[in-house]
Amino acid sequence: MDGWRKGPEREQPAHGGPLFGGASVRFLFLIPHPLVPSNRGNKIYSLSLLRELSRYHECDVLGFEEPNTHGDWASLASPGSGLRVLETFEQARGSALRAGRWRAIRSGLPWALARYESAPLRSYLRALDLSKYGAICFDMFLMAGYCDLASSRPTVLWSTDAYSMMLWRAAKTTPSVGPKVRFLAEAAVQARFERQVYPRFTRVVTVSQVDAAWISKVTGGRARVSVVEIPVEPLEPSNPAERAHDLVICWALLKSEGVASSVASFVRRGWPAVRARFPSAHLLLLGPSPPSFLRAEISRQPGVTQVDFVEDWRAVLHSASIFLYPQHCGSGQQTKVQSAMSMSLPLVIAPETATGLGLKHGDAALVCRDADECAEACIRLLENRTLRQSLGASARNHVLHHNAPKDLGRQMTSLLEEVAAR
């Protein structure tokens, strides 16, 4: 590939961790997409941990380009760091992608793997001297299909989420029969993949205890699972005096039927109760391409606005009084919610989100099981400024305590050092 894709030579060697007496270890990472810009949760996770890890050890990267985006591999490696991009590869597209998906479906594999099936990457791995690496790390299940090519070395899968659990939850919450059947089928295929492939790795890393327990259950305890949460860069907390007293924001993946069904339920059943108590209250739904049933609910309810995109999401969050996240699907840790927590916004969230983040009702959030409880929580918060400030402060403290990038980076460093030492 072109020379600009390769990271610069390091100015100074990294300093290894305690298991190696200060010596630097080399790790190899397989990553399915450019990490810059870090505009998705899995990118935030990988980039933050890699930057911290490369302070102690050498990190070589093999990655995929992302078509039709402005991803930037060149900016990943900075002078003096132990991070180097060895080579990048093209994702499958067009007829090759369609053929790969059919092969995956016929083989009982997740069809998403087809986009990352690359003969050039396989050839590169076969030619690479893997003996110089303390461990080979695979970012997300999308890279897990290459684990057999690294069987001579310890291997670590950064699974992040339990994707079969995410698909199962999506099937439970999706109202339409067609998508529900599709999600159920995908969940079964994904669970089979996790059961067969995850135990081959020396270690599997998820971002929450809930995801770890699910993977352990799916694999019958054969996968050795650890937890390293998603790092969160602290954001400037918003000034309560500058917030709109009655603005509730819901920032979610509205184009997903499972997410949209929970939001639509709140708009239909919960929001009228909030408006009855606070006639000037406004609900801002942030997320593109909501399905028709959610658009219909929005059109029927006063005080509800849906926006596809905003230039400055931080400014939008700064202006809100409550962050609402009622979805019952998904897995892992929701980075949108973590951003709101970092800015001291009080949360009204579903149990599935709360457990992934390690939150309890009344501590750093109000945890609600349905639309009626969400409405009651919003009314309670809008009535009580002291409670809003208290919950918001607790949410920010939780993020600062549990999700500090340096702390989690050192945790991942120790985990990889342990794997390499074995």
Protein backbone atom coordinates (compact mmCIF):
# COMPACT_ATOMS: atom_id res chain seq x y z
CA MET A 1 0.00 0.00 0.00
CA ASP A 2 1.03 3.65 -0.20
CA GLY A 3 3.68 4.83 2.21
CA TRP A 4 1.42 7.37 3.94
CA ARG A 5 -0.58 4.54 5.45
CA LYS A 6 2.34 3.42 7.57
CA GLY A 7 2.90 4.94 10.99
CA PRO A 8 6.10 6.88 11.75
CA GLU A 9 9.09 5.33 13.44
CA ARG A 10 9.00 5.80 17.18
CA GLU A 11 11.31 8.40 18.67
CA GLN A 12 11.62 6.57 21.98
CA PRO A 13 10.87 3.00 23.00
CA ALA A 14 7.77 2.34 25.05
CA HIS A 15 8.21 1.28 28.66
CA GLY A 16 6.74 -2.09 29.45
CA GLY A 17 4.54 -2.97 32.38
CA PRO A 18 5.47 -4.74 35.60
CA LEU A 19 5.04 -8.34 34.37
CA PHE A 20 7.96 -7.86 32.00
CA GLY A 21 10.26 -5.91 34.29
CA GLY A 22 9.93 -2.73 32.25
CA ALA A 23 10.54 -4.48 28.92
CA SER A 24 8.35 -3.63 25.96
CA VAL A 25 6.17 -6.32 24.40
CA ARG A 26 4.85 -6.19 20.86
CA PHE A 27 1.15 -6.79 20.18
CA LEU A 28 -0.64 -7.14 16.85
CA PHE A 29 -4.18 -5.77 16.35
CA LEU A 30 -6.68 -6.59 13.63
CA ILE A 31 -9.21 -3.75 13.36
CA PRO A 32 -12.25 -3.65 11.02
CA HIS A 33 -12.42 0.12 10.39
CA PRO A 34 -10.42 3.34 10.82
CA LEU A 35 -10.56 4.52 14.42
CA VAL A 36 -10.43 8.19 13.43
CA PRO A 37 -12.87 9.85 13.63
CA SER A 38 -13.98 8.04 16.78
CA ASN A 39 -17.69 8.56 16.14
CA ARG A 40 -19.00 5.18 17.32
CA GLY A 41 -18.79 3.37 20.63
CA ASN A 42 -16.55 0.56 19.37
CA LYS A 43 -14.16 3.09 17.83
CA ILE A 44 -14.03 5.11 21.05
CA TYR A 45 -13.25 1.92 22.95
CA SER A 46 -10.45 0.71 20.69
CA LEU A 47 -8.80 4.08 20.12
CA SER A 48 -8.70 5.07 23.77
CA LEU A 49 -7.30 1.74 24.93
CA LEU A 50 -4.76 1.52 22.10
CA ARG A 51 -3.40 4.97 22.87
CA GLU A 52 -2.87 4.06 26.50
CA LEU A 53 -1.46 0.62 25.71
CA SER A 54 1.04 2.09 23.22
CA ARG A 55 2.58 4.13 26.05
CA TYR A 56 3.92 0.89 27.49
CA HIS A 57 4.24 -1.51 24.58
CA GLU A 58 4.62 -1.66 20.82
CA CYS A 59 1.32 -2.01 18.98
CA ASP A 60 1.21 -2.98 15.31
CA VAL A 61 -2.10 -2.59 13.48
CA LEU A 62 -3.65 -4.25 10.45
CA GLY A 63 -6.85 -2.48 9.55
CA PHE A 64 -9.60 -2.08 7.00
CA GLU A 65 -10.52 1.01 5.05
CA GLU A 66 -14.12 2.16 5.30
CA PRO A 67 -15.65 3.08 1.91
CA ASN A 68 -17.35 6.43 1.38
CA THR A 69 -16.13 7.85 4.69
CA HIS A 70 -13.37 10.15 5.85
CA GLY A 71 -11.65 7.62 8.06
CA ASP A 72 -8.00 8.39 8.66
CA TRP A 73 -5.47 5.69 9.47
CA ALA A 74 -2.53 8.05 8.99
CA SER A 75 -3.41 10.12 12.06
CA LEU A 76 -3.60 7.06 14.31
CA ALA A 77 0.10 6.79 15.05
CA SER A 78 1.75 9.80 16.67
CA PRO A 79 5.51 10.41 16.90
CA GLY A 80 7.00 8.81 19.98
CA SER A 81 4.15 6.38 20.49
CA GLY A 82 4.41 2.63 20.19
CA LEU A 83 1.56 2.54 17.68
CA ARG A 84 2.24 1.68 14.04
CA VAL A 85 -0.10 0.89 11.16
CA LEU A 86 1.52 -1.92 9.18
CA GLU A 87 -0.99 -2.18 6.36
CA THR A 88 -4.61 -1.50 5.48
CA PHE A 89 -7.04 -3.47 3.33
CA GLU A 90 -10.23 -2.85 1.39
CA GLN A 91 -13.57 -4.05 2.70
CA ALA A 92 -15.55 -6.26 0.31
CA ARG A 93 -18.17 -4.42 -1.70
CA GLY A 94 -20.47 -4.83 -4.66
CA SER A 95 -20.79 -8.30 -6.18
CA ALA A 96 -17.96 -9.66 -4.02
CA LEU A 97 -19.82 -8.58 -0.89
CA ARG A 98 -23.11 -10.08 -2.08
CA ALA A 99 -21.41 -13.38 -2.94
CA GLY A 100 -19.63 -13.39 0.43
CA ARG A 101 -22.90 -12.87 2.29
CA TRP A 102 -24.51 -15.81 0.52
CA ARG A 103 -21.50 -18.01 1.36
CA ALA A 104 -21.74 -16.94 4.99
CA ILE A 105 -25.47 -17.67 5.13
CA ARG A 106 -25.00 -21.10 3.54
CA SER A 107 -22.25 -21.87 6.07
CA GLY A 108 -24.36 -20.76 9.03
CA LEU A 109 -22.14 -17.77 9.79
CA PRO A 110 -23.12 -14.16 10.56
CA TRP A 111 -23.51 -12.44 7.21
CA ALA A 112 -21.72 -9.35 8.57
CA LEU A 113 -18.42 -11.25 8.39
CA ALA A 114 -18.51 -11.15 4.59
CA ARG A 115 -17.55 -7.48 4.44
CA TYR A 116 -14.25 -8.24 6.19
CA GLU A 117 -13.25 -11.40 4.35
CA SER A 118 -10.00 -10.49 2.63
CA ALA A 119 -7.62 -12.80 0.75
CA PRO A 120 -4.85 -10.12 0.86
CA LEU A 121 -5.15 -9.93 4.65
CA ARG A 122 -4.95 -13.71 4.94
CA SER A 123 -1.84 -13.74 2.75
CA TYR A 124 -0.29 -10.95 4.80
CA LEU A 125 -0.90 -12.82 8.06
CA ARG A 126 0.57 -16.04 6.68
CA ALA A 127 3.73 -14.19 5.62
CA LEU A 128 4.05 -12.21 8.87
CA ASP A 129 6.41 -13.47 11.56
CA LEU A 130 3.92 -13.83 14.41
CA SER A 131 6.54 -15.16 16.83
CA LYS A 132 7.63 -11.59 17.58
CA TYR A 133 4.23 -10.78 19.12
CA GLY A 134 3.30 -11.42 22.71
CA ALA A 135 -0.35 -11.74 21.69
CA ILE A 136 -2.64 -11.15 18.71
CA CYS A 137 -5.72 -9.01 19.40
CA PHE A 138 -8.92 -9.04 17.34
CA ASP A 139 -11.23 -6.01 17.47
CA MET A 140 -14.88 -7.13 17.54
CA PHE A 141 -16.33 -10.45 16.37
CA LEU A 142 -15.96 -9.17 12.79
CA MET A 143 -12.27 -10.08 12.95
CA ALA A 144 -12.71 -13.35 14.82
CA GLY A 145 -12.70 -15.42 11.63
CA TYR A 146 -8.94 -14.87 11.33
CA CYS A 147 -8.15 -16.43 14.71
CA ASP A 148 -7.02 -19.75 13.21
CA LEU A 149 -4.20 -17.97 11.38
CA ALA A 150 -2.85 -16.82 14.75
CA SER A 151 -3.24 -20.08 16.65
CA SER A 152 0.52 -20.20 17.36
CA ARG A 153 0.25 -17.19 19.67
CA PRO A 154 -2.00 -16.16 22.58
CA THR A 155 -5.10 -14.43 21.22
CA VAL A 156 -7.49 -11.86 22.67
CA LEU A 157 -10.90 -10.94 21.26
CA TRP A 158 -12.17 -7.46 22.09
CA SER A 159 -15.77 -8.60 21.76
CA THR A 160 -17.10 -5.38 23.37
CA ASP A 161 -20.79 -6.45 23.31
CA ALA A 162 -22.60 -9.77 23.44
CA TYR A 163 -24.08 -9.43 19.97
CA SER A 164 -26.38 -12.44 20.19
CA MET A 165 -27.97 -10.84 23.27
CA MET A 166 -28.38 -7.57 21.38
CA LEU A 167 -30.15 -9.36 18.50
CA TRP A 168 -32.34 -11.35 20.87
CA ARG A 169 -33.42 -8.16 22.66
CA ALA A 170 -34.10 -6.51 19.30
CA ALA A 171 -36.36 -9.42 18.33
CA LYS A 172 -38.29 -9.11 21.60
CA THR A 173 -38.93 -5.39 21.18
CA THR A 174 -39.53 -5.16 17.41
CA PRO A 175 -43.26 -4.91 16.61
CA SER A 176 -43.18 -5.99 12.94
CA VAL A 177 -43.30 -9.72 12.22
CA GLY A 178 -40.77 -9.68 9.37
CA PRO A 179 -37.97 -7.89 11.24
CA LYS A 180 -38.75 -9.93 14.38
CA VAL A 181 -38.21 -13.21 12.50
CA ARG A 182 -35.04 -11.86 10.91
CA PHE A 183 -33.63 -10.76 14.27
CA LEU A 184 -34.42 -14.17 15.80
CA ALA A 185 -32.65 -15.94 12.95
CA GLU A 186 -29.64 -13.64 13.22
CA ALA A 187 -29.53 -14.12 17.00
CA ALA A 188 -29.44 -17.90 16.58
CA VAL A 189 -26.65 -17.70 13.99
CA GLN A 190 -24.66 -15.23 16.10
CA ALA A 191 -25.02 -17.38 19.23
CA ARG A 192 -23.80 -20.42 17.29
CA PHE A 193 -20.79 -18.42 16.09
CA GLU A 194 -20.00 -17.25 19.62
CA ARG A 195 -20.37 -20.79 20.98
CA GLN A 196 -18.03 -22.26 18.37
CA VAL A 197 -15.41 -19.53 17.93
CA TYR A 198 -15.08 -17.58 21.19
CA PRO A 199 -13.61 -20.49 23.21
CA ARG A 200 -10.70 -20.61 20.73
CA PHE A 201 -9.38 -17.32 22.09
CA THR A 202 -7.08 -17.17 25.07
CA ARG A 203 -9.28 -14.36 26.44
CA VAL A 204 -12.50 -12.63 25.42
CA VAL A 205 -13.05 -9.06 26.66
CA THR A 206 -16.49 -7.46 26.98
CA VAL A 207 -17.46 -4.00 28.24
CA SER A 208 -19.92 -5.02 30.96
CA GLN A 209 -20.61 -7.81 33.43
CA VAL A 210 -23.97 -8.44 31.77
CA ASP A 211 -22.31 -9.10 28.41
CA ALA A 212 -19.65 -11.27 30.06
CA ALA A 213 -22.29 -13.39 31.79
CA TRP A 214 -24.18 -13.84 28.52
CA ILE A 215 -21.05 -14.95 26.63
CA SER A 216 -20.16 -17.36 29.41
CA LYS A 217 -23.66 -18.81 29.23
CA VAL A 218 -23.70 -19.10 25.43
CA THR A 219 -20.29 -20.82 25.38
CA GLY A 220 -21.12 -23.14 28.26
CA GLY A 221 -18.35 -21.58 30.35
CA ARG A 222 -15.68 -22.58 27.82
CA ALA A 223 -14.71 -18.99 26.95
CA ARG A 224 -12.55 -17.16 29.46
CA VAL A 225 -14.20 -13.74 29.68
CA SER A 226 -12.94 -10.51 31.27
CA VAL A 227 -14.50 -7.05 31.53
CA VAL A 228 -12.91 -3.72 30.61
CA GLU A 229 -15.46 -0.91 30.41
CA ILE A 230 -15.62 1.81 27.74
CA PRO A 231 -13.34 4.76 28.52
CA VAL A 232 -15.04 8.16 28.62
CA GLU A 233 -13.24 11.47 28.15
CA PRO A 234 -14.79 13.85 30.70
CA LEU A 235 -16.86 16.58 29.08
CA GLU A 236 -17.49 19.99 30.56
CA PRO A 237 -20.52 19.70 32.84
CA SER A 238 -23.40 21.89 31.81
CA ASN A 239 -24.47 24.79 33.97
CA PRO A 240 -27.93 24.07 35.45
CA ALA A 241 -28.79 27.74 35.18
CA GLU A 242 -28.31 27.61 31.38
CA ARG A 243 -30.51 24.57 30.81
CA ALA A 244 -34.00 24.83 29.43
CA HIS A 245 -36.20 23.95 32.38
CA ASP A 246 -38.54 21.69 30.42
CA LEU A 247 -36.45 20.20 27.58
CA VAL A 248 -36.19 16.41 27.50
CA ILE A 249 -33.79 14.91 24.95
CA CYS A 250 -33.76 11.35 23.65
CA TRP A 251 -30.68 10.60 21.52
CA ALA A 252 -30.88 7.10 20.10
CA LEU A 253 -30.64 4.90 17.01
CA LEU A 254 -34.15 5.71 15.90
CA LYS A 255 -33.87 3.88 12.58
CA SER A 256 -33.75 0.56 14.46
CA GLU A 257 -37.26 -0.84 14.86
CA GLY A 258 -36.45 -2.20 18.31
CA VAL A 259 -35.27 1.21 19.55
CA ALA A 260 -38.04 3.08 17.75
CA SER A 261 -40.75 0.88 19.29
CA SER A 262 -39.71 1.84 22.82
CA VAL A 263 -39.49 5.52 21.91
CA ALA A 264 -42.87 5.39 20.13
CA SER A 265 -44.43 3.82 23.22
CA PHE A 266 -43.21 6.71 25.35
CA VAL A 267 -44.38 9.31 22.82
CA ARG A 268 -47.83 7.69 22.67
CA ARG A 269 -48.40 6.80 26.34
CA GLY A 270 -45.90 8.71 28.45
CA TRP A 271 -45.48 12.09 26.82
CA PRO A 272 -49.15 13.18 27.12
CA ALA A 273 -48.87 12.77 30.90
CA VAL A 274 -45.73 14.93 30.96
CA ARG A 275 -47.40 17.62 28.83
CA ALA A 276 -50.51 17.55 31.03
CA ARG A 277 -48.35 18.48 34.01
CA PHE A 278 -45.94 20.76 32.09
CA PRO A 279 -47.71 22.23 29.02
CA SER A 280 -44.53 23.98 27.83
CA ALA A 281 -42.38 20.82 28.00
CA HIS A 282 -40.60 19.80 24.80
CA LEU A 283 -39.27 16.40 23.73
CA LEU A 284 -36.38 16.40 21.25
CA LEU A 285 -35.72 13.09 19.48
CA LEU A 286 -32.24 13.05 17.97
CA GLY A 287 -31.51 10.34 15.39
CA PRO A 288 -31.98 9.76 11.66
CA SER A 289 -34.55 7.80 9.64
CA PRO A 290 -37.19 6.82 12.19
CA PRO A 291 -39.64 4.19 10.87
CA SER A 292 -43.11 5.23 9.76
CA PHE A 293 -44.87 4.17 12.98
CA LEU A 294 -42.63 6.45 15.06
CA ARG A 295 -43.08 9.34 12.63
CA ALA A 296 -46.84 8.88 12.93
CA GLU A 297 -46.71 9.08 16.74
CA ILE A 298 -44.53 12.21 16.55
CA SER A 299 -47.01 13.93 14.23
CA ARG A 300 -49.89 13.26 16.64
CA GLN A 301 -48.25 14.61 19.79
CA PRO A 302 -47.63 18.31 20.50
CA GLY A 303 -44.25 19.35 21.81
CA VAL A 304 -42.27 16.58 20.07
CA THR A 305 -39.55 17.27 17.48
CA GLN A 306 -37.36 14.78 15.64
CA VAL A 307 -34.01 15.87 14.17
CA ASP A 308 -31.74 13.70 12.02
CA PHE A 309 -28.48 15.45 12.85
CA VAL A 310 -27.07 18.40 14.77
CA GLU A 311 -23.72 20.08 14.21
CA ASP A 312 -22.92 20.44 17.90
CA TRP A 313 -24.47 17.68 20.01
CA ARG A 314 -22.67 18.96 23.10
CA ALA A 315 -24.53 22.25 22.90
CA VAL A 316 -27.81 20.36 22.55
CA LEU A 317 -27.09 18.27 25.64
CA HIS A 318 -26.02 21.37 27.55
CA SER A 319 -29.44 22.88 26.95
CA ALA A 320 -31.45 19.86 28.20
CA SER A 321 -32.79 19.15 31.66
CA ILE A 322 -33.30 15.38 31.27
CA PHE A 323 -31.72 12.68 29.14
CA LEU A 324 -34.26 9.99 28.23
CA TYR A 325 -33.16 6.57 26.96
CA PRO A 326 -36.13 4.17 27.11
CA GLN A 327 -34.89 1.44 24.75
CA HIS A 328 -35.01 -2.18 25.89
CA CYS A 329 -32.72 -3.60 23.21
CA GLY A 330 -29.01 -3.23 22.68
CA SER A 331 -26.13 -4.55 24.74
CA GLY A 332 -22.82 -3.35 26.11
CA GLN A 333 -22.54 0.23 27.30
CA GLN A 334 -24.34 3.04 25.50
CA THR A 335 -21.83 5.79 24.76
CA LYS A 336 -24.58 8.36 24.13
CA VAL A 337 -25.76 7.81 27.70
CA GLN A 338 -22.20 7.99 29.00
CA SER A 339 -21.76 11.36 27.27
CA ALA A 340 -24.88 12.66 29.00
CA MET A 341 -23.61 11.34 32.32
CA SER A 342 -20.27 13.06 31.82
CA MET A 343 -22.15 16.36 31.34
CA SER A 344 -24.10 15.87 34.60
CA LEU A 345 -27.47 15.26 32.98
CA PRO A 346 -30.01 13.31 35.05
CA LEU A 347 -31.02 10.06 33.35
CA VAL A 348 -34.33 8.31 32.76
CA ILE A 349 -33.33 4.93 31.33
CA ALA A 350 -34.51 1.36 30.83
CA PRO A 351 -33.17 -1.52 32.99
CA GLU A 352 -31.24 -3.02 30.05
CA THR A 353 -29.21 0.17 29.72
CA ALA A 354 -28.78 0.61 33.47
CA THR A 355 -27.38 -2.87 34.07
CA GLY A 356 -24.84 -2.51 31.26
CA LEU A 357 -23.59 0.71 32.84
CA GLY A 358 -23.72 -0.62 36.39
CA LEU A 359 -26.34 1.93 37.50
CA LYS A 360 -28.99 1.48 40.17
CA HIS A 361 -32.34 3.19 40.46
CA GLY A 362 -32.17 6.42 42.43
CA ASP A 363 -28.38 6.45 42.57
CA ALA A 364 -27.21 7.97 39.30
CA ALA A 365 -30.41 7.45 37.29
CA LEU A 366 -34.12 6.78 37.46
CA VAL A 367 -34.58 3.28 36.02
CA CYS A 368 -37.98 2.71 34.41
CA ARG A 369 -39.57 -0.45 33.06
CA ASP A 370 -42.15 1.08 30.72
CA ALA A 371 -43.49 4.30 29.20
CA ASP A 372 -45.69 5.10 32.21
CA GLU A 373 -42.77 4.86 34.63
CA CYS A 374 -40.65 7.00 32.28
CA ALA A 375 -43.36 9.67 32.32
CA GLU A 376 -43.57 9.60 36.11
CA ALA A 377 -39.77 9.91 36.33
CA CYS A 378 -39.70 12.88 33.91
CA ILE A 379 -42.44 14.65 35.85
CA ARG A 380 -40.65 14.00 39.14
CA LEU A 381 -37.41 15.46 37.76
CA LEU A 382 -39.07 18.47 36.14
CA GLU A 383 -40.74 19.24 39.47
CA ASN A 384 -37.58 18.92 41.52
CA ARG A 385 -34.51 20.89 40.51
CA THR A 386 -32.54 19.61 43.50
CA LEU A 387 -33.15 16.02 42.44
CA ARG A 388 -32.05 16.83 38.88
CA GLN A 389 -28.81 18.32 40.13
CA SER A 390 -28.19 15.46 42.57
CA LEU A 391 -28.75 12.70 40.00
CA GLY A 392 -26.71 14.58 37.40
CA ALA A 393 -23.79 14.97 39.79
CA SER A 394 -23.96 11.29 40.72
CA ALA A 395 -24.00 10.29 37.06
CA ARG A 396 -20.89 12.37 36.35
CA ASN A 397 -19.10 10.99 39.40
CA HIS A 398 -19.90 7.45 38.24
CA VAL A 399 -18.28 8.07 34.86
CA LEU A 400 -15.24 9.77 36.37
CA HIS A 401 -14.77 6.87 38.79
CA HIS A 402 -15.54 3.88 36.54
CA ASN A 403 -14.59 5.07 33.06
CA ALA A 404 -11.38 7.07 33.37
CA PRO A 405 -9.37 6.38 30.18
CA LYS A 406 -6.02 6.03 31.92
CA ASP A 407 -7.36 3.61 34.51
CA LEU A 408 -9.08 1.41 31.95
CA GLY A 409 -6.07 1.63 29.64
CA ARG A 410 -3.85 0.32 32.42
CA GLN A 411 -6.41 -2.40 33.16
CA MET A 412 -6.31 -3.56 29.54
CA THR A 413 -2.51 -3.30 29.53
CA SER A 414 -2.28 -5.58 32.57
CA LEU A 415 -4.70 -8.04 30.98
CA LEU A 416 -2.69 -8.25 27.75
CA GLU A 417 0.57 -8.52 29.68
CA GLU A 418 -0.90 -11.43 31.63
CA VAL A 419 -2.00 -13.17 28.44
CA ALA A 420 1.42 -12.64 26.83
CA ALA A 421 3.24 -13.85 29.95
CA ARG A 422 1.31 -17.13 29.85
